Amino acid sequence: MKSGVVMGLSEAPKEEVTFDRSKVRSTNWSRYKILTMEEMPEIQLVTISRDDKGFGGGSEAANEVVPAAVAAASFEATGVWARRIPLTAGYVKELLQNG
């Protein structure tokens, strides 16, 4: 579960797929951006038992919801909705200037 949170938290400010007219350009794993240990907040998990649902994993679920949660927190803090991820410093600054 924590690895999914790390991936989701990394996606929110850093991960971006880039394109040109013919294909995806962001294909180099050595340039893949993920938060460093120094950048990571403390992660505390609260789990509930749902054995009756046959749920067998958790990492992917955490990965999917974290960027949206970060965007919602950004809205709560600024009153401006972000319309894409990543929430880079430049993009957030642009949002704040243009409202």
PDB file of N, CA and C in Angstrom:
ATOM      1  N   MET A   1       0.821  -1.187   0.000  1.00  0.00           N
ATOM      2  CA  MET A   1       0.000   0.000   0.000  1.00  0.00           C
ATOM      3  C   MET A   1       0.868   1.255   0.000  1.00  0.00           C
ATOM      4  N   LYS A   2       1.908   1.264   0.828  1.00  0.00           N
ATOM      5  CA  LYS A   2       2.763   2.451   0.896  1.00  0.00           C
ATOM      6  C   LYS A   2       3.455   2.719  -0.438  1.00  0.00           C
ATOM      7  N   SER A   3       3.822   1.661  -1.144  1.00  0.00           N
ATOM      8  CA  SER A   3       4.472   1.883  -2.447  1.00  0.00           C
ATOM      9  C   SER A   3       3.510   2.558  -3.416  1.00  0.00           C
ATOM     10  N   GLY A   4       2.237   2.223  -3.350  1.00  0.00           N
ATOM     11  CA  GLY A   4       1.246   2.893  -4.186  1.00  0.00           C
ATOM     12  C   GLY A   4       1.087   4.351  -3.824  1.00  0.00           C
ATOM     13  N   VAL A   5       1.141   4.658  -2.535  1.00  0.00           N
ATOM     14  CA  VAL A   5       1.072   6.049  -2.087  1.00  0.00           C
ATOM     15  C   VAL A   5       2.294   6.822  -2.591  1.00  0.00           C
ATOM     16  N   VAL A   6       3.468   6.206  -2.506  1.00  0.00           N
ATOM     17  CA  VAL A   6       4.687   6.846  -3.013  1.00  0.00           C
ATOM     18  C   VAL A   6       4.541   7.146  -4.505  1.00  0.00           C
ATOM     19  N   MET A   7       4.058   6.195  -5.262  1.00  0.00           N
ATOM     20  CA  MET A   7       3.882   6.409  -6.701  1.00  0.00           C
ATOM     21  C   MET A   7       2.866   7.518  -6.962  1.00  0.00           C
ATOM     22  N   GLY A   8       1.743   7.500  -6.265  1.00  0.00           N
ATOM     23  CA  GLY A   8       0.732   8.536  -6.448  1.00  0.00           C
ATOM     24  C   GLY A   8       1.218   9.916  -6.055  1.00  0.00           C
ATOM     25  N   LEU A   9       1.954   9.997  -4.933  1.00  0.00           N
ATOM     26  CA  LEU A   9       2.505  11.287  -4.517  1.00  0.00           C
ATOM     27  C   LEU A   9       3.558  11.784  -5.503  1.00  0.00           C
ATOM     28  N   SER A  10       4.258  10.867  -6.142  1.00  0.00           N
ATOM     29  CA  SER A  10       5.253  11.249  -7.148  1.00  0.00           C
ATOM     30  C   SER A  10       4.578  11.731  -8.431  1.00  0.00           C
ATOM     31  N   GLU A  11       3.488  11.079  -8.802  1.00  0.00           N
ATOM     32  CA  GLU A  11       2.761  11.475 -10.016  1.00  0.00           C
ATOM     33  C   GLU A  11       2.219  12.890  -9.909  1.00  0.00           C
ATOM     34  N   ALA A  12       1.698  13.229  -8.748  1.00  0.00           N
ATOM     35  CA  ALA A  12       1.023  14.522  -8.589  1.00  0.00           C
ATOM     36  C   ALA A  12       1.908  15.714  -8.948  1.00  0.00           C
ATOM     37  N   PRO A  13       3.148  15.816  -8.445  1.00  0.00           N
ATOM     38  CA  PRO A  13       3.953  16.989  -8.800  1.00  0.00           C
ATOM     39  C   PRO A  13       4.983  16.759  -9.900  1.00  0.00           C
ATOM     40  N   LYS A  14       5.250  15.497 -10.270  1.00  0.00           N
ATOM     41  CA  LYS A  14       6.420  15.256 -11.116  1.00  0.00           C
ATOM     42  C   LYS A  14       6.174  14.501 -12.414  1.00  0.00           C
ATOM     43  N   GLU A  15       5.275  13.535 -12.427  1.00  0.00           N
ATOM     44  CA  GLU A  15       5.198  12.639 -13.574  1.00  0.00           C
ATOM     45  C   GLU A  15       4.375  13.250 -14.702  1.00  0.00           C
ATOM     46  N   GLU A  16       4.955  13.270 -15.876  1.00  0.00           N
ATOM     47  CA  GLU A  16       4.259  13.849 -17.018  1.00  0.00           C
ATOM     48  C   GLU A  16       4.583  13.054 -18.277  1.00  0.00           C
ATOM     49  N   VAL A  17       3.555  12.677 -19.009  1.00  0.00           N
ATOM     50  CA  VAL A  17       3.736  12.022 -20.297  1.00  0.00           C
ATOM     51  C   VAL A  17       3.836  13.112 -21.350  1.00  0.00           C
ATOM     52  N   THR A  18       4.887  13.051 -22.152  1.00  0.00           N
ATOM     53  CA  THR A  18       5.074  14.045 -23.208  1.00  0.00           C
ATOM     54  C   THR A  18       4.897  13.391 -24.571  1.00  0.00           C
ATOM     55  N   PHE A  19       4.368  14.155 -25.518  1.00  0.00           N
ATOM     56  CA  PHE A  19       4.066  13.659 -26.854  1.00  0.00           C
ATOM     57  C   PHE A  19       4.658  14.596 -27.895  1.00  0.00           C
ATOM     58  N   ASP A  20       4.841  14.070 -29.088  1.00  0.00           N
ATOM     59  CA  ASP A  20       5.019  14.931 -30.252  1.00  0.00           C
ATOM     60  C   ASP A  20       3.918  14.532 -31.231  1.00  0.00           C
ATOM     61  N   ARG A  21       3.998  14.913 -32.468  1.00  0.00           N
ATOM     62  CA  ARG A  21       2.909  14.632 -33.413  1.00  0.00           C
ATOM     63  C   ARG A  21       2.722  13.149 -33.727  1.00  0.00           C
ATOM     64  N   SER A  22       3.736  12.329 -33.461  1.00  0.00           N
ATOM     65  CA  SER A  22       3.629  10.930 -33.869  1.00  0.00           C
ATOM     66  C   SER A  22       3.668   9.902 -32.740  1.00  0.00           C
ATOM     67  N   LYS A  23       4.188  10.267 -31.566  1.00  0.00           N
ATOM     68  CA  LYS A  23       4.318   9.239 -30.532  1.00  0.00           C
ATOM     69  C   LYS A  23       4.574   9.846 -29.147  1.00  0.00           C
ATOM     70  N   VAL A  24       4.545   8.967 -28.163  1.00  0.00           N
ATOM     71  CA  VAL A  24       4.906   9.340 -26.801  1.00  0.00           C
ATOM     72  C   VAL A  24       6.414   9.539 -26.757  1.00  0.00           C
ATOM     73  N   ARG A  25       6.843  10.621 -26.159  1.00  0.00           N
ATOM     74  CA  ARG A  25       8.272  10.936 -26.081  1.00  0.00           C
ATOM     75  C   ARG A  25       8.891  10.563 -24.738  1.00  0.00           C
ATOM     76  N   SER A  26       8.087  10.427 -23.708  1.00  0.00           N
ATOM     77  CA  SER A  26       8.618  10.136 -22.368  1.00  0.00           C
ATOM     78  C   SER A  26       8.736   8.617 -22.188  1.00  0.00           C
ATOM     79  N   THR A  27       9.789   8.053 -22.743  1.00  0.00           N
ATOM     80  CA  THR A  27       9.978   6.601 -22.704  1.00  0.00           C
ATOM     81  C   THR A  27      11.286   6.192 -22.041  1.00  0.00           C
ATOM     82  N   ASN A  28      11.997   7.114 -21.425  1.00  0.00           N
ATOM     83  CA  ASN A  28      13.305   6.843 -20.861  1.00  0.00           C
ATOM     84  C   ASN A  28      13.178   6.642 -19.348  1.00  0.00           C
ATOM     85  N   TRP A  29      13.327   5.408 -18.885  1.00  0.00           N
ATOM     86  CA  TRP A  29      13.164   5.111 -17.467  1.00  0.00           C
ATOM     87  C   TRP A  29      14.236   5.764 -16.607  1.00  0.00           C
ATOM     88  N   SER A  30      15.391   6.089 -17.154  1.00  0.00           N
ATOM     89  CA  SER A  30      16.432   6.718 -16.344  1.00  0.00           C
ATOM     90  C   SER A  30      16.070   8.158 -15.985  1.00  0.00           C
ATOM     91  N   ARG A  31      15.087   8.733 -16.686  1.00  0.00           N
ATOM     92  CA  ARG A  31      14.651  10.092 -16.385  1.00  0.00           C
ATOM     93  C   ARG A  31      13.296  10.113 -15.670  1.00  0.00           C
ATOM     94  N   TYR A  32      12.820   8.938 -15.256  1.00  0.00           N
ATOM     95  CA  TYR A  32      11.538   8.820 -14.579  1.00  0.00           C
ATOM     96  C   TYR A  32      11.619   9.508 -13.225  1.00  0.00           C
ATOM     97  N   LYS A  33      10.729  10.427 -12.958  1.00  0.00           N
ATOM     98  CA  LYS A  33      10.795  11.228 -11.737  1.00  0.00           C
ATOM     99  C   LYS A  33       9.919  10.619 -10.653  1.00  0.00           C
ATOM    100  N   ILE A  34      10.519  10.416  -9.510  1.00  0.00           N
ATOM    101  CA  ILE A  34       9.799   9.911  -8.343  1.00  0.00           C
ATOM    102  C   ILE A  34      10.342  10.661  -7.131  1.00  0.00           C
ATOM    103  N   LEU A  35       9.514  10.854  -6.124  1.00  0.00           N
ATOM    104  CA  LEU A  35       9.963  11.568  -4.932  1.00  0.00           C
ATOM    105  C   LEU A  35      11.131  10.842  -4.274  1.00  0.00           C
ATOM    106  N   THR A  36      12.048  11.622  -3.757  1.00  0.00           N
ATOM    107  CA  THR A  36      13.169  11.055  -3.013  1.00  0.00           C
ATOM    108  C   THR A  36      12.723  10.791  -1.573  1.00  0.00           C
ATOM    109  N   MET A  37      13.523  10.061  -0.843  1.00  0.00           N
ATOM    110  CA  MET A  37      13.218   9.803   0.567  1.00  0.00           C
ATOM    111  C   MET A  37      13.094  11.111   1.335  1.00  0.00           C
ATOM    112  N   GLU A  38      13.939  12.076   1.009  1.00  0.00           N
ATOM    113  CA  GLU A  38      13.908  13.369   1.683  1.00  0.00           C
ATOM    114  C   GLU A  38      12.602  14.122   1.419  1.00  0.00           C
ATOM    115  N   GLU A  39      12.038  13.937   0.236  1.00  0.00           N
ATOM    116  CA  GLU A  39      10.801  14.643  -0.135  1.00  0.00           C
ATOM    117  C   GLU A  39       9.534  13.973   0.395  1.00  0.00           C
ATOM    118  N   MET A  40       9.624  12.710   0.770  1.00  0.00           N
ATOM    119  CA  MET A  40       8.444  11.956   1.187  1.00  0.00           C
ATOM    120  C   MET A  40       7.957  12.357   2.570  1.00  0.00           C
ATOM    121  N   PRO A  41       6.655  12.587   2.704  1.00  0.00           N
ATOM    122  CA  PRO A  41       6.105  12.788   4.048  1.00  0.00           C
ATOM    123  C   PRO A  41       5.979  11.432   4.741  1.00  0.00           C
ATOM    124  N   GLU A  42       5.708  11.470   6.021  1.00  0.00           N
ATOM    125  CA  GLU A  42       5.427  10.224   6.734  1.00  0.00           C
ATOM    126  C   GLU A  42       4.085   9.692   6.234  1.00  0.00           C
ATOM    127  N   ILE A  43       4.030   8.416   5.985  1.00  0.00           N
ATOM    128  CA  ILE A  43       2.803   7.782   5.497  1.00  0.00           C
ATOM    129  C   ILE A  43       2.246   6.906   6.605  1.00  0.00           C
ATOM    130  N   GLN A  44       1.009   7.152   6.975  1.00  0.00           N
ATOM    131  CA  GLN A  44       0.330   6.325   7.964  1.00  0.00           C
ATOM    132  C   GLN A  44      -0.881   5.700   7.290  1.00  0.00           C
ATOM    133  N   LEU A  45      -0.966   4.389   7.328  1.00  0.00           N
ATOM    134  CA  LEU A  45      -2.060   3.672   6.690  1.00  0.00           C
ATOM    135  C   LEU A  45      -3.102   3.241   7.708  1.00  0.00           C
ATOM    136  N   VAL A  46      -4.337   3.323   7.300  1.00  0.00           N
ATOM    137  CA  VAL A  46      -5.437   2.787   8.085  1.00  0.00           C
ATOM    138  C   VAL A  46      -6.135   1.790   7.181  1.00  0.00           C
ATOM    139  N   THR A  47      -6.160   0.547   7.581  1.00  0.00           N
ATOM    140  CA  THR A  47      -6.774  -0.485   6.752  1.00  0.00           C
ATOM    141  C   THR A  47      -8.007  -1.045   7.446  1.00  0.00           C
ATOM    142  N   ILE A  48      -8.913  -1.513   6.634  1.00  0.00           N
ATOM    143  CA  ILE A  48     -10.103  -2.188   7.150  1.00  0.00           C
ATOM    144  C   ILE A  48     -10.165  -3.560   6.501  1.00  0.00           C
ATOM    145  N   SER A  49     -10.708  -4.510   7.191  1.00  0.00           N
ATOM    146  CA  SER A  49     -10.828  -5.861   6.657  1.00  0.00           C
ATOM    147  C   SER A  49     -12.072  -5.951   5.790  1.00  0.00           C
ATOM    148  N   ARG A  50     -11.891  -6.354   4.550  1.00  0.00           N
ATOM    149  CA  ARG A  50     -13.015  -6.594   3.629  1.00  0.00           C
ATOM    150  C   ARG A  50     -12.833  -7.954   2.961  1.00  0.00           C
ATOM    151  N   ASP A  51     -12.537  -8.949   3.783  1.00  0.00           N
ATOM    152  CA  ASP A  51     -12.305 -10.288   3.250  1.00  0.00           C
ATOM    153  C   ASP A  51     -13.499 -10.809   2.461  1.00  0.00           C
ATOM    154  N   ASP A  52     -14.690 -10.331   2.784  1.00  0.00           N
ATOM    155  CA  ASP A  52     -15.901 -10.770   2.074  1.00  0.00           C
ATOM    156  C   ASP A  52     -15.942 -10.265   0.637  1.00  0.00           C
ATOM    157  N   LYS A  53     -15.089  -9.293   0.278  1.00  0.00           N
ATOM    158  CA  LYS A  53     -15.088  -8.709  -1.060  1.00  0.00           C
ATOM    159  C   LYS A  53     -14.023  -9.307  -1.971  1.00  0.00           C
ATOM    160  N   GLY A  54     -13.139 -10.146  -1.444  1.00  0.00           N
ATOM    161  CA  GLY A  54     -12.125 -10.770  -2.268  1.00  0.00           C
ATOM    162  C   GLY A  54     -11.046  -9.815  -2.744  1.00  0.00           C
ATOM    163  N   PHE A  55     -10.847  -8.728  -2.028  1.00  0.00           N
ATOM    164  CA  PHE A  55      -9.839  -7.743  -2.394  1.00  0.00           C
ATOM    165  C   PHE A  55      -8.470  -8.309  -2.050  1.00  0.00           C
ATOM    166  N   GLY A  56      -7.560  -8.391  -3.034  1.00  0.00           N
ATOM    167  CA  GLY A  56      -6.298  -9.042  -2.793  1.00  0.00           C
ATOM    168  C   GLY A  56      -5.075  -8.155  -2.849  1.00  0.00           C
ATOM    169  N   GLY A  57      -5.204  -6.893  -3.171  1.00  0.00           N
ATOM    170  CA  GLY A  57      -4.036  -6.027  -3.283  1.00  0.00           C
ATOM    171  C   GLY A  57      -4.379  -4.633  -2.835  1.00  0.00           C
ATOM    172  N   GLY A  58      -3.379  -3.776  -2.780  1.00  0.00           N
ATOM    173  CA  GLY A  58      -3.655  -2.432  -2.330  1.00  0.00           C
ATOM    174  C   GLY A  58      -2.838  -1.365  -3.011  1.00  0.00           C
ATOM    175  N   SER A  59      -1.722  -1.744  -3.580  1.00  0.00           N
ATOM    176  CA  SER A  59      -0.814  -0.756  -4.134  1.00  0.00           C
ATOM    177  C   SER A  59      -1.431   0.029  -5.287  1.00  0.00           C
ATOM    178  N   GLU A  60      -2.056  -0.673  -6.211  1.00  0.00           N
ATOM    179  CA  GLU A  60      -2.635   0.014  -7.363  1.00  0.00           C
ATOM    180  C   GLU A  60      -3.767   0.945  -6.962  1.00  0.00           C
ATOM    181  N   ALA A  61      -4.555   0.544  -6.001  1.00  0.00           N
ATOM    182  CA  ALA A  61      -5.660   1.397  -5.551  1.00  0.00           C
ATOM    183  C   ALA A  61      -5.139   2.697  -4.963  1.00  0.00           C
ATOM    184  N   ALA A  62      -4.093   2.611  -4.171  1.00  0.00           N
ATOM    185  CA  ALA A  62      -3.520   3.823  -3.578  1.00  0.00           C
ATOM    186  C   ALA A  62      -2.921   4.718  -4.650  1.00  0.00           C
ATOM    187  N   ASN A  63      -2.282   4.125  -5.636  1.00  0.00           N
ATOM    188  CA  ASN A  63      -1.662   4.881  -6.717  1.00  0.00           C
ATOM    189  C   ASN A  63      -2.700   5.711  -7.462  1.00  0.00           C
ATOM    190  N   GLU A  64      -3.873   5.188  -7.655  1.00  0.00           N
ATOM    191  CA  GLU A  64      -4.900   5.859  -8.447  1.00  0.00           C
ATOM    192  C   GLU A  64      -5.547   7.046  -7.742  1.00  0.00           C
ATOM    193  N   VAL A  65      -5.724   6.977  -6.438  1.00  0.00           N
ATOM    194  CA  VAL A  65      -6.482   8.027  -5.754  1.00  0.00           C
ATOM    195  C   VAL A  65      -5.636   9.182  -5.242  1.00  0.00           C
ATOM    196  N   VAL A  66      -4.346   8.966  -5.063  1.00  0.00           N
ATOM    197  CA  VAL A  66      -3.505   9.993  -4.448  1.00  0.00           C
ATOM    198  C   VAL A  66      -3.395  11.263  -5.296  1.00  0.00           C
ATOM    199  N   PRO A  67      -3.121  11.192  -6.613  1.00  0.00           N
ATOM    200  CA  PRO A  67      -3.035  12.442  -7.381  1.00  0.00           C
ATOM    201  C   PRO A  67      -4.330  13.271  -7.322  1.00  0.00           C
ATOM    202  N   ALA A  68      -5.471  12.604  -7.359  1.00  0.00           N
ATOM    203  CA  ALA A  68      -6.741  13.331  -7.247  1.00  0.00           C
ATOM    204  C   ALA A  68      -6.884  13.966  -5.865  1.00  0.00           C
ATOM    205  N   ALA A  69      -6.437  13.273  -4.836  1.00  0.00           N
ATOM    206  CA  ALA A  69      -6.498  13.830  -3.486  1.00  0.00           C
ATOM    207  C   ALA A  69      -5.574  15.040  -3.353  1.00  0.00           C
ATOM    208  N   VAL A  70      -4.407  14.985  -3.975  1.00  0.00           N
ATOM    209  CA  VAL A  70      -3.488  16.121  -3.950  1.00  0.00           C
ATOM    210  C   VAL A  70      -4.107  17.307  -4.693  1.00  0.00           C
ATOM    211  N   ALA A  71      -4.734  17.045  -5.840  1.00  0.00           N
ATOM    212  CA  ALA A  71      -5.397  18.117  -6.595  1.00  0.00           C
ATOM    213  C   ALA A  71      -6.537  18.727  -5.785  1.00  0.00           C
ATOM    214  N   ALA A  72      -7.309  17.889  -5.084  1.00  0.00           N
ATOM    215  CA  ALA A  72      -8.398  18.399  -4.246  1.00  0.00           C
ATOM    216  C   ALA A  72      -7.852  19.244  -3.091  1.00  0.00           C
ATOM    217  N   ALA A  73      -6.745  18.809  -2.503  1.00  0.00           N
ATOM    218  CA  ALA A  73      -6.117  19.587  -1.428  1.00  0.00           C
ATOM    219  C   ALA A  73      -5.603  20.920  -1.961  1.00  0.00           C
ATOM    220  N   SER A  74      -5.076  20.906  -3.171  1.00  0.00           N
ATOM    221  CA  SER A  74      -4.626  22.148  -3.800  1.00  0.00           C
ATOM    222  C   SER A  74      -5.802  23.108  -3.986  1.00  0.00           C
ATOM    223  N   PHE A  75      -6.935  22.586  -4.426  1.00  0.00           N
ATOM    224  CA  PHE A  75      -8.127  23.423  -4.575  1.00  0.00           C
ATOM    225  C   PHE A  75      -8.568  23.999  -3.235  1.00  0.00           C
ATOM    226  N   GLU A  76      -8.580  23.163  -2.208  1.00  0.00           N
ATOM    227  CA  GLU A  76      -8.982  23.636  -0.880  1.00  0.00           C
ATOM    228  C   GLU A  76      -8.066  24.753  -0.387  1.00  0.00           C
ATOM    229  N   ALA A  77      -6.788  24.660  -0.728  1.00  0.00           N
ATOM    230  CA  ALA A  77      -5.823  25.663  -0.273  1.00  0.00           C
ATOM    231  C   ALA A  77      -5.859  26.945  -1.096  1.00  0.00           C
ATOM    232  N   THR A  78      -6.215  26.834  -2.381  1.00  0.00           N
ATOM    233  CA  THR A  78      -6.102  27.984  -3.278  1.00  0.00           C
ATOM    234  C   THR A  78      -7.424  28.485  -3.838  1.00  0.00           C
ATOM    235  N   GLY A  79      -8.439  27.619  -3.877  1.00  0.00           N
ATOM    236  CA  GLY A  79      -9.715  27.978  -4.491  1.00  0.00           C
ATOM    237  C   GLY A  79      -9.694  27.887  -6.011  1.00  0.00           C
ATOM    238  N   VAL A  80      -8.618  27.345  -6.582  1.00  0.00           N
ATOM    239  CA  VAL A  80      -8.475  27.214  -8.033  1.00  0.00           C
ATOM    240  C   VAL A  80      -8.316  25.739  -8.376  1.00  0.00           C
ATOM    241  N   TRP A  81      -9.136  25.259  -9.317  1.00  0.00           N
ATOM    242  CA  TRP A  81      -9.061  23.856  -9.730  1.00  0.00           C
ATOM    243  C   TRP A  81      -7.949  23.647 -10.746  1.00  0.00           C
ATOM    244  N   ALA A  82      -7.120  22.672 -10.490  1.00  0.00           N
ATOM    245  CA  ALA A  82      -6.129  22.223 -11.472  1.00  0.00           C
ATOM    246  C   ALA A  82      -6.850  21.310 -12.453  1.00  0.00           C
ATOM    247  N   ARG A  83      -6.496  21.392 -13.717  1.00  0.00           N
ATOM    248  CA  ARG A  83      -7.146  20.583 -14.751  1.00  0.00           C
ATOM    249  C   ARG A  83      -6.242  19.507 -15.320  1.00  0.00           C
ATOM    250  N   ARG A  84      -5.031  19.391 -14.744  1.00  0.00           N
ATOM    251  CA  ARG A  84      -4.126  18.340 -15.207  1.00  0.00           C
ATOM    252  C   ARG A  84      -3.098  18.033 -14.117  1.00  0.00           C
ATOM    253  N   ILE A  85      -2.484  16.925 -14.277  1.00  0.00           N
ATOM    254  CA  ILE A  85      -1.366  16.492 -13.444  1.00  0.00           C
ATOM    255  C   ILE A  85      -0.185  16.398 -14.393  1.00  0.00           C
ATOM    256  N   PRO A  86       0.995  16.784 -14.045  1.00  0.00           N
ATOM    257  CA  PRO A  86       1.488  17.060 -12.708  1.00  0.00           C
ATOM    258  C   PRO A  86       1.251  18.498 -12.287  1.00  0.00           C
ATOM    259  N   LEU A  87       1.174  18.681 -11.005  1.00  0.00           N
ATOM    260  CA  LEU A  87       1.040  20.006 -10.418  1.00  0.00           C
ATOM    261  C   LEU A  87       2.435  20.571 -10.180  1.00  0.00           C
ATOM    262  N   THR A  88       3.116  20.859 -11.270  1.00  0.00           N
ATOM    263  CA  THR A  88       4.464  21.421 -11.161  1.00  0.00           C
ATOM    264  C   THR A  88       4.375  22.827 -10.575  1.00  0.00           C
ATOM    265  N   ALA A  89       5.483  23.306 -10.067  1.00  0.00           N
ATOM    266  CA  ALA A  89       5.514  24.656  -9.501  1.00  0.00           C
ATOM    267  C   ALA A  89       5.086  25.683 -10.546  1.00  0.00           C
ATOM    268  N   GLY A  90       5.564  25.533 -11.780  1.00  0.00           N
ATOM    269  CA  GLY A  90       5.199  26.468 -12.842  1.00  0.00           C
ATOM    270  C   GLY A  90       3.725  26.450 -13.163  1.00  0.00           C
ATOM    271  N   TYR A  91       3.123  25.249 -13.203  1.00  0.00           N
ATOM    272  CA  TYR A  91       1.698  25.128 -13.495  1.00  0.00           C
ATOM    273  C   TYR A  91       0.856  25.726 -12.372  1.00  0.00           C
ATOM    274  N   VAL A  92       1.224  25.447 -11.135  1.00  0.00           N
ATOM    275  CA  VAL A  92       0.476  25.995  -9.995  1.00  0.00           C
ATOM    276  C   VAL A  92       0.600  27.518  -9.962  1.00  0.00           C
ATOM    277  N   LYS A  93       1.770  28.032 -10.242  1.00  0.00           N
ATOM    278  CA  LYS A  93       1.955  29.488 -10.290  1.00  0.00           C
ATOM    279  C   LYS A  93       1.064  30.100 -11.370  1.00  0.00           C
ATOM    280  N   GLU A  94       1.010  29.468 -12.532  1.00  0.00           N
ATOM    281  CA  GLU A  94       0.144  29.923 -13.622  1.00  0.00           C
ATOM    282  C   GLU A  94      -1.330  29.913 -13.201  1.00  0.00           C
ATOM    283  N   LEU A  95      -1.745  28.845 -12.532  1.00  0.00           N
ATOM    284  CA  LEU A  95      -3.127  28.763 -12.040  1.00  0.00           C
ATOM    285  C   LEU A  95      -3.451  29.904 -11.095  1.00  0.00           C
ATOM    286  N   LEU A  96      -2.548  30.169 -10.174  1.00  0.00           N
ATOM    287  CA  LEU A  96      -2.776  31.233  -9.188  1.00  0.00           C
ATOM    288  C   LEU A  96      -2.807  32.608  -9.821  1.00  0.00           C
ATOM    289  N   GLN A  97      -1.994  32.825 -10.839  1.00  0.00           N
ATOM    290  CA  GLN A  97      -1.980  34.132 -11.510  1.00  0.00           C
ATOM    291  C   GLN A  97      -3.224  34.346 -12.368  1.00  0.00           C
ATOM    292  N   ASN A  98      -3.716  33.271 -12.991  1.00  0.00           N
ATOM    293  CA  ASN A  98      -4.846  33.394 -13.916  1.00  0.00           C
ATOM    294  C   ASN A  98      -6.176  33.073 -13.265  1.00  0.00           C
ATOM    295  N   GLY A  99      -6.147  32.571 -12.042  1.00  0.00           N
ATOM    296  CA  GLY A  99      -7.372  32.272 -11.313  1.00  0.00           C
ATOM    297  C   GLY A  99      -8.216  31.301 -12.019  1.00  0.00           C
TER     298      GLY A  99
END
